Amino acid sequence: MYDIIIIGAGPAGLTAAIYAGRAGLNALVIDKAQSGGTVNVAPLIENYPGVDKITGIELMKLITEQARQYAEIKEHTMVLDIHDNGDSTFSVDTGEEVLKSKFVILATGTQYRKLEIDDSDEDSDDYIGRGLSYCAVCDGTFFIGREVIIVGGGNSAATEALYLNRVGVKCSIVHRRDSLRCDGKLKEDIKEAGIKVYWNCEVKHINGENSIESVTLYNNKTHEETTIDVNGIFVAIGYVPHNELAKQCGVKCNEQGYVIVDEHMKTNIDGIFAVGDITGGIKQIIVSEAQGAIAVSTIDKDIIV
């Protein structure tokens, strides 16, 4: 019997494990892949307090090593089902064994919505680390003084375009519709900043061998193709939450698929919490870690009571 089973070994789940262990709680972390989550693919992190520069995999290795001092971590282990036993305990089925816990924390995260390229032989993810990024805050400074495009038309795309423009990156927006879907104020800011928008356009082909040198755009209205010279592509077309387990055990999600939580990170099911990117909001490492700490602090108080 565990006090807490944490599903997901990203920043949120690992921080929850550290706080659990330090509170004297018996915790287990389960992840279907390698510990570290999507942060592992971040080429460089420069906004983590107390650390000047560090790669994502290096940071997550340090956090994982710390978490192992306080909790058991099972990597490459899939959780198939979470069952409410009706006696203030849960059964977590991994297919190989059924584990029992008093509390469950969902830290299953999200996956970026992948940039689909018209060219069926091309995979955009092949360019990650070679000019393609899903995080302007993480990678924007690498492109100061250089030409890039932002693919997207919502609040995230507009915000990232404005950020890149502000730090000195020559940025344009590529949007598949004829108007941005972002807030009115952001539209005004984009216009005032003089950020060019390629309307009704989609990325048809990425050109360059070792790094991105240009992109070929397809206009879905005129059916014309245009090639523009760029050094980078920032993708901001949304995220896909890993909410399968949450829905399976009756946890409520919002219209976008993110788990609904209160200020204590509690879900609608007593004893099940959710932390990190799966809850939506600001997707930053430090935010996920804070939520992991909040959830365990709440559980600790509930156990004491």
Protein backbone atom coordinates (compact mmCIF):
# COMPACT_ATOMS: atom_id res chain seq x y z
CA MET A 1 0.00 0.00 0.00
CA TYR A 2 1.40 3.37 -1.09
CA ASP A 3 0.33 6.72 0.28
CA ILE A 4 0.58 8.28 -3.19
CA ILE A 5 0.95 6.88 -6.69
CA ILE A 6 2.10 9.55 -9.14
CA ILE A 7 1.50 8.87 -12.82
CA GLY A 8 3.99 10.80 -14.92
CA ALA A 9 7.69 11.52 -14.28
CA GLY A 10 7.99 15.02 -15.69
CA PRO A 11 8.77 18.11 -13.58
CA ALA A 12 5.36 18.03 -11.85
CA GLY A 13 5.40 14.34 -10.97
CA LEU A 14 9.01 14.30 -9.82
CA THR A 15 8.53 17.40 -7.65
CA ALA A 16 5.48 15.73 -6.10
CA ALA A 17 7.66 12.71 -5.34
CA ILE A 18 10.31 14.86 -3.64
CA TYR A 19 7.73 16.64 -1.50
CA ALA A 20 6.04 13.34 -0.64
CA GLY A 21 9.26 11.72 0.51
CA ARG A 22 10.26 14.71 2.59
CA ALA A 23 6.83 14.62 4.25
CA GLY A 24 7.38 10.98 5.20
CA LEU A 25 4.87 9.66 2.67
CA ASN A 26 5.44 6.45 0.75
CA ALA A 27 5.25 7.42 -2.92
CA LEU A 28 5.65 5.65 -6.24
CA VAL A 29 6.16 7.36 -9.61
CA ILE A 30 5.17 5.53 -12.80
CA ASP A 31 5.99 6.70 -16.32
CA LYS A 32 5.33 5.00 -19.62
CA ALA A 33 8.63 6.32 -21.00
CA GLN A 34 11.90 7.68 -19.65
CA SER A 35 11.79 9.93 -16.62
CA GLY A 36 11.89 13.61 -17.55
CA GLY A 37 8.95 13.93 -19.91
CA THR A 38 8.93 16.32 -22.84
CA VAL A 39 11.54 18.55 -21.15
CA ASN A 40 14.12 15.96 -22.19
CA VAL A 41 14.01 17.27 -25.78
CA ALA A 42 14.62 20.92 -24.86
CA PRO A 43 17.99 21.82 -26.42
CA LEU A 44 18.73 24.56 -23.90
CA ILE A 45 16.96 26.03 -20.86
CA GLU A 46 17.99 29.51 -19.75
CA ASN A 47 15.04 30.60 -17.59
CA TYR A 48 15.24 28.06 -14.78
CA PRO A 49 15.96 29.91 -11.50
CA GLY A 50 19.42 29.28 -10.11
CA VAL A 51 20.75 27.66 -13.28
CA ASP A 52 22.31 29.83 -15.98
CA LYS A 53 22.18 27.40 -18.90
CA ILE A 54 21.33 23.71 -19.01
CA THR A 55 19.91 21.24 -21.50
CA GLY A 56 16.53 19.73 -20.81
CA ILE A 57 17.87 16.21 -20.39
CA GLU A 58 20.58 17.39 -17.98
CA LEU A 59 18.06 19.26 -15.83
CA MET A 60 15.66 16.34 -15.71
CA LYS A 61 18.49 13.96 -14.87
CA LEU A 62 19.31 16.08 -11.82
CA ILE A 63 15.66 16.27 -10.74
CA THR A 64 15.20 12.53 -11.30
CA GLU A 65 18.27 11.70 -9.21
CA GLN A 66 16.92 13.86 -6.40
CA ALA A 67 13.46 12.30 -6.64
CA ARG A 68 14.93 8.78 -6.42
CA GLN A 69 16.16 9.65 -2.92
CA TYR A 70 12.56 10.07 -1.82
CA ALA A 71 10.42 7.77 -3.94
CA GLU A 72 10.45 4.67 -6.08
CA ILE A 73 10.34 5.38 -9.82
CA LYS A 74 9.12 2.84 -12.39
CA GLU A 75 10.05 3.87 -15.93
CA HIS A 76 8.76 2.34 -19.16
CA THR A 77 5.66 1.14 -17.32
CA MET A 78 2.20 1.75 -18.73
CA VAL A 79 -0.78 2.38 -16.46
CA LEU A 80 -3.82 0.68 -17.96
CA ASP A 81 -6.47 1.53 -15.41
CA ILE A 82 -7.19 3.35 -12.16
CA HIS A 83 -9.96 1.82 -10.06
CA ASP A 84 -11.69 3.47 -7.10
CA ASN A 85 -12.01 0.68 -4.54
CA GLY A 86 -14.71 2.54 -2.61
CA ASP A 87 -12.78 2.36 0.66
CA SER A 88 -10.67 5.51 0.23
CA THR A 89 -8.07 3.57 -1.75
CA PHE A 90 -7.30 3.16 -5.44
CA SER A 91 -5.97 0.25 -7.48
CA VAL A 92 -3.54 1.11 -10.27
CA ASP A 93 -3.23 -1.61 -12.91
CA THR A 94 0.00 -1.72 -14.95
CA GLY A 95 -0.82 -4.98 -16.71
CA GLU A 96 1.95 -6.72 -14.79
CA GLU A 97 0.72 -5.91 -11.29
CA VAL A 98 -2.03 -4.09 -9.42
CA LEU A 99 -0.80 -1.50 -6.95
CA LYS A 100 -2.85 0.11 -4.18
CA SER A 101 -2.68 3.70 -2.98
CA LYS A 102 -4.57 6.14 -0.79
CA PHE A 103 -4.11 8.99 -3.29
CA VAL A 104 -3.38 9.28 -7.01
CA ILE A 105 -1.72 12.24 -8.72
CA LEU A 106 -2.13 12.53 -12.48
CA ALA A 107 0.93 14.18 -14.02
CA THR A 108 0.50 12.77 -17.50
CA GLY A 109 1.30 16.03 -19.31
CA THR A 110 0.68 16.94 -22.91
CA GLN A 111 2.21 16.47 -26.29
CA TYR A 112 2.71 19.35 -28.69
CA ARG A 113 0.42 19.30 -31.68
CA LYS A 114 2.81 18.28 -34.39
CA LEU A 115 3.38 20.41 -37.47
CA GLU A 116 1.99 18.41 -40.38
CA ILE A 117 3.78 19.06 -43.65
CA ASP A 118 2.10 18.66 -47.03
CA ASP A 119 5.06 16.71 -48.31
CA SER A 120 4.18 13.15 -47.27
CA ASP A 121 7.85 12.07 -47.22
CA GLU A 122 8.87 14.73 -44.71
CA ASP A 123 8.62 14.62 -40.92
CA SER A 124 8.86 18.06 -39.29
CA ASP A 125 10.24 16.56 -36.06
CA ASP A 126 13.41 15.64 -37.95
CA TYR A 127 14.28 19.36 -37.71
CA ILE A 128 13.98 19.63 -33.92
CA GLY A 129 17.32 20.99 -32.71
CA ARG A 130 18.13 22.08 -36.28
CA GLY A 131 15.89 25.14 -36.43
CA LEU A 132 12.44 23.85 -35.50
CA SER A 133 11.11 24.57 -32.01
CA TYR A 134 7.89 24.37 -30.05
CA CYS A 135 8.97 26.92 -27.43
CA ALA A 136 9.86 30.53 -28.26
CA VAL A 137 10.78 31.34 -24.65
CA CYS A 138 13.18 28.37 -24.56
CA ASP A 139 14.88 28.85 -27.92
CA GLY A 140 14.16 32.38 -29.11
CA THR A 141 17.50 33.88 -28.15
CA PHE A 142 19.30 31.51 -30.53
CA PHE A 143 17.69 33.40 -33.42
CA ILE A 144 18.33 37.03 -32.48
CA GLY A 145 18.94 38.98 -35.68
CA ARG A 146 17.80 36.05 -37.83
CA GLU A 147 14.64 35.31 -39.82
CA VAL A 148 12.05 32.89 -38.44
CA ILE A 149 8.36 32.09 -38.88
CA ILE A 150 5.72 31.27 -36.30
CA VAL A 151 3.16 28.74 -37.49
CA GLY A 152 -0.24 29.30 -35.88
CA GLY A 153 -2.92 31.91 -35.38
CA GLY A 154 -4.13 31.72 -31.79
CA ASN A 155 -3.08 33.42 -28.58
CA SER A 156 0.03 31.25 -28.23
CA ALA A 157 1.27 32.05 -31.73
CA ALA A 158 0.63 35.79 -31.33
CA THR A 159 2.24 35.92 -27.90
CA GLU A 160 5.32 34.04 -29.07
CA ALA A 161 5.62 36.20 -32.19
CA LEU A 162 5.53 39.35 -30.04
CA TYR A 163 8.08 37.87 -27.65
CA LEU A 164 10.47 36.97 -30.50
CA ASN A 165 10.06 40.42 -32.03
CA ARG A 166 10.78 42.03 -28.67
CA VAL A 167 14.04 40.13 -28.12
CA GLY A 168 15.30 40.98 -31.61
CA VAL A 169 14.25 38.04 -33.76
CA LYS A 170 12.96 38.88 -37.25
CA CYS A 171 9.65 37.08 -37.05
CA SER A 172 6.71 36.52 -39.42
CA ILE A 173 3.50 34.57 -38.84
CA VAL A 174 2.20 31.82 -41.11
CA HIS A 175 -1.53 31.17 -40.63
CA ARG A 176 -3.80 28.88 -42.60
CA ARG A 177 -6.79 31.21 -42.26
CA ASP A 178 -7.47 34.81 -43.32
CA SER A 179 -7.63 36.22 -39.79
CA LEU A 180 -5.91 35.50 -36.49
CA ARG A 181 -7.89 33.68 -33.81
CA CYS A 182 -6.16 35.49 -30.94
CA ASP A 183 -7.53 38.19 -28.64
CA GLY A 184 -8.24 41.61 -30.12
CA LYS A 185 -5.49 43.28 -28.10
CA LEU A 186 -2.95 40.80 -29.44
CA LYS A 187 -4.10 41.51 -32.99
CA GLU A 188 -3.50 45.21 -32.39
CA ASP A 189 -0.07 44.50 -30.91
CA ILE A 190 0.89 42.36 -33.92
CA LYS A 191 -0.12 45.17 -36.26
CA GLU A 192 1.69 47.86 -34.26
CA ALA A 193 4.84 45.75 -34.12
CA GLY A 194 4.79 45.44 -37.92
CA ILE A 195 4.90 41.66 -37.84
CA LYS A 196 4.17 40.29 -41.30
CA VAL A 197 1.47 37.61 -41.64
CA TYR A 198 1.29 35.13 -44.49
CA TRP A 199 -2.46 34.61 -44.72
CA ASN A 200 -4.12 31.38 -45.87
CA CYS A 201 -0.75 29.67 -45.94
CA GLU A 202 0.54 26.28 -44.82
CA VAL A 203 4.04 24.84 -44.68
CA LYS A 204 4.45 22.56 -47.67
CA HIS A 205 8.16 21.83 -47.45
CA ILE A 206 11.15 22.58 -45.19
CA ASN A 207 14.38 23.17 -47.09
CA GLY A 208 17.89 22.63 -45.75
CA GLU A 209 20.17 19.73 -44.95
CA ASN A 210 21.93 20.34 -41.64
CA SER A 211 19.64 23.19 -40.60
CA ILE A 212 16.60 25.06 -41.90
CA GLU A 213 17.44 27.40 -44.76
CA SER A 214 13.99 28.15 -46.21
CA VAL A 215 10.37 27.01 -46.26
CA THR A 216 7.95 26.56 -49.11
CA LEU A 217 4.47 27.87 -48.31
CA TYR A 218 1.24 26.81 -50.00
CA ASN A 219 -1.60 29.32 -50.27
CA ASN A 220 -4.82 27.37 -49.82
CA LYS A 221 -6.85 30.11 -51.54
CA THR A 222 -4.75 30.91 -54.61
CA HIS A 223 -3.02 27.48 -54.71
CA GLU A 224 0.28 29.28 -55.27
CA GLU A 225 3.59 28.26 -53.70
CA THR A 226 6.13 30.68 -52.28
CA THR A 227 9.60 29.94 -50.91
CA ILE A 228 10.96 32.27 -48.24
CA ASP A 229 14.39 32.26 -46.58
CA VAL A 230 14.21 31.52 -42.84
CA ASN A 231 16.58 30.13 -40.23
CA GLY A 232 13.93 28.80 -37.90
CA ILE A 233 10.34 27.65 -37.48
CA PHE A 234 8.42 28.03 -34.23
CA VAL A 235 5.28 25.93 -34.02
CA ALA A 236 2.36 27.19 -31.91
CA ILE A 237 -0.66 25.25 -33.06
CA GLY A 238 -1.69 23.93 -29.68
CA TYR A 239 -1.16 20.92 -27.45
CA VAL A 240 -2.80 17.54 -27.08
CA PRO A 241 -3.38 16.61 -23.40
CA HIS A 242 -2.71 13.03 -22.33
CA ASN A 243 -6.11 12.71 -20.65
CA GLU A 244 -6.99 9.10 -21.49
CA LEU A 245 -6.52 7.83 -17.93
CA ALA A 246 -8.31 10.83 -16.46
CA LYS A 247 -11.40 10.28 -18.61
CA GLN A 248 -11.27 6.55 -18.02
CA CYS A 249 -11.66 6.97 -14.26
CA GLY A 250 -14.30 9.72 -14.46
CA VAL A 251 -12.13 12.80 -13.91
CA LYS A 252 -13.74 15.85 -15.50
CA CYS A 253 -11.96 17.71 -18.30
CA ASN A 254 -12.72 21.04 -19.96
CA GLU A 255 -13.61 21.58 -23.61
CA GLN A 256 -9.92 21.54 -24.59
CA GLY A 257 -9.40 18.22 -22.84
CA TYR A 258 -7.44 19.54 -19.86
CA VAL A 259 -8.20 18.18 -16.39
CA ILE A 260 -10.23 20.56 -14.23
CA VAL A 261 -8.69 21.19 -10.79
CA ASP A 262 -9.24 23.57 -7.91
CA GLU A 263 -6.58 25.71 -6.20
CA HIS A 264 -5.37 22.64 -4.28
CA MET A 265 -4.99 20.64 -7.52
CA LYS A 266 -7.94 18.42 -6.57
CA THR A 267 -10.12 16.92 -9.32
CA ASN A 268 -13.82 16.12 -9.04
CA ILE A 269 -12.96 12.68 -7.64
CA ASP A 270 -11.96 12.67 -3.99
CA GLY A 271 -8.41 11.38 -3.67
CA ILE A 272 -7.35 12.06 -7.27
CA PHE A 273 -5.22 15.12 -8.00
CA ALA A 274 -3.80 16.48 -11.26
CA VAL A 275 -0.68 18.59 -11.74
CA GLY A 276 1.44 20.03 -14.53
CA ASP A 277 0.60 20.55 -18.18
CA ILE A 278 -2.39 18.18 -18.04
CA THR A 279 -4.21 20.97 -16.16
CA GLY A 280 -3.67 23.51 -18.98
CA GLY A 281 -2.61 27.07 -18.27
CA ILE A 282 0.99 28.28 -18.47
CA LYS A 283 3.21 25.46 -19.68
CA GLN A 284 6.48 26.15 -17.90
CA ILE A 285 8.67 23.83 -15.83
CA ILE A 286 8.49 25.99 -12.73
CA VAL A 287 4.67 26.15 -12.87
CA SER A 288 4.42 22.36 -13.10
CA GLU A 289 6.78 21.96 -10.17
CA ALA A 290 4.74 24.39 -8.07
CA GLN A 291 1.58 22.41 -8.75
CA GLY A 292 3.28 19.17 -7.72
CA ALA A 293 4.28 20.78 -4.44
CA ILE A 294 0.77 22.13 -3.85
CA ALA A 295 -0.88 18.75 -4.42
CA VAL A 296 1.37 16.89 -1.99
CA SER A 297 1.10 19.63 0.64
CA THR A 298 -2.68 19.27 0.42
CA ILE A 299 -2.49 15.47 0.70
CA ASP A 300 -0.14 15.74 3.67
CA LYS A 301 -2.65 17.93 5.49
CA ASP A 302 -5.53 15.57 4.59
CA ILE A 303 -3.62 12.58 6.00
CA ILE A 304 -2.77 14.44 9.21
CA VAL A 305 -6.42 15.45 9.67
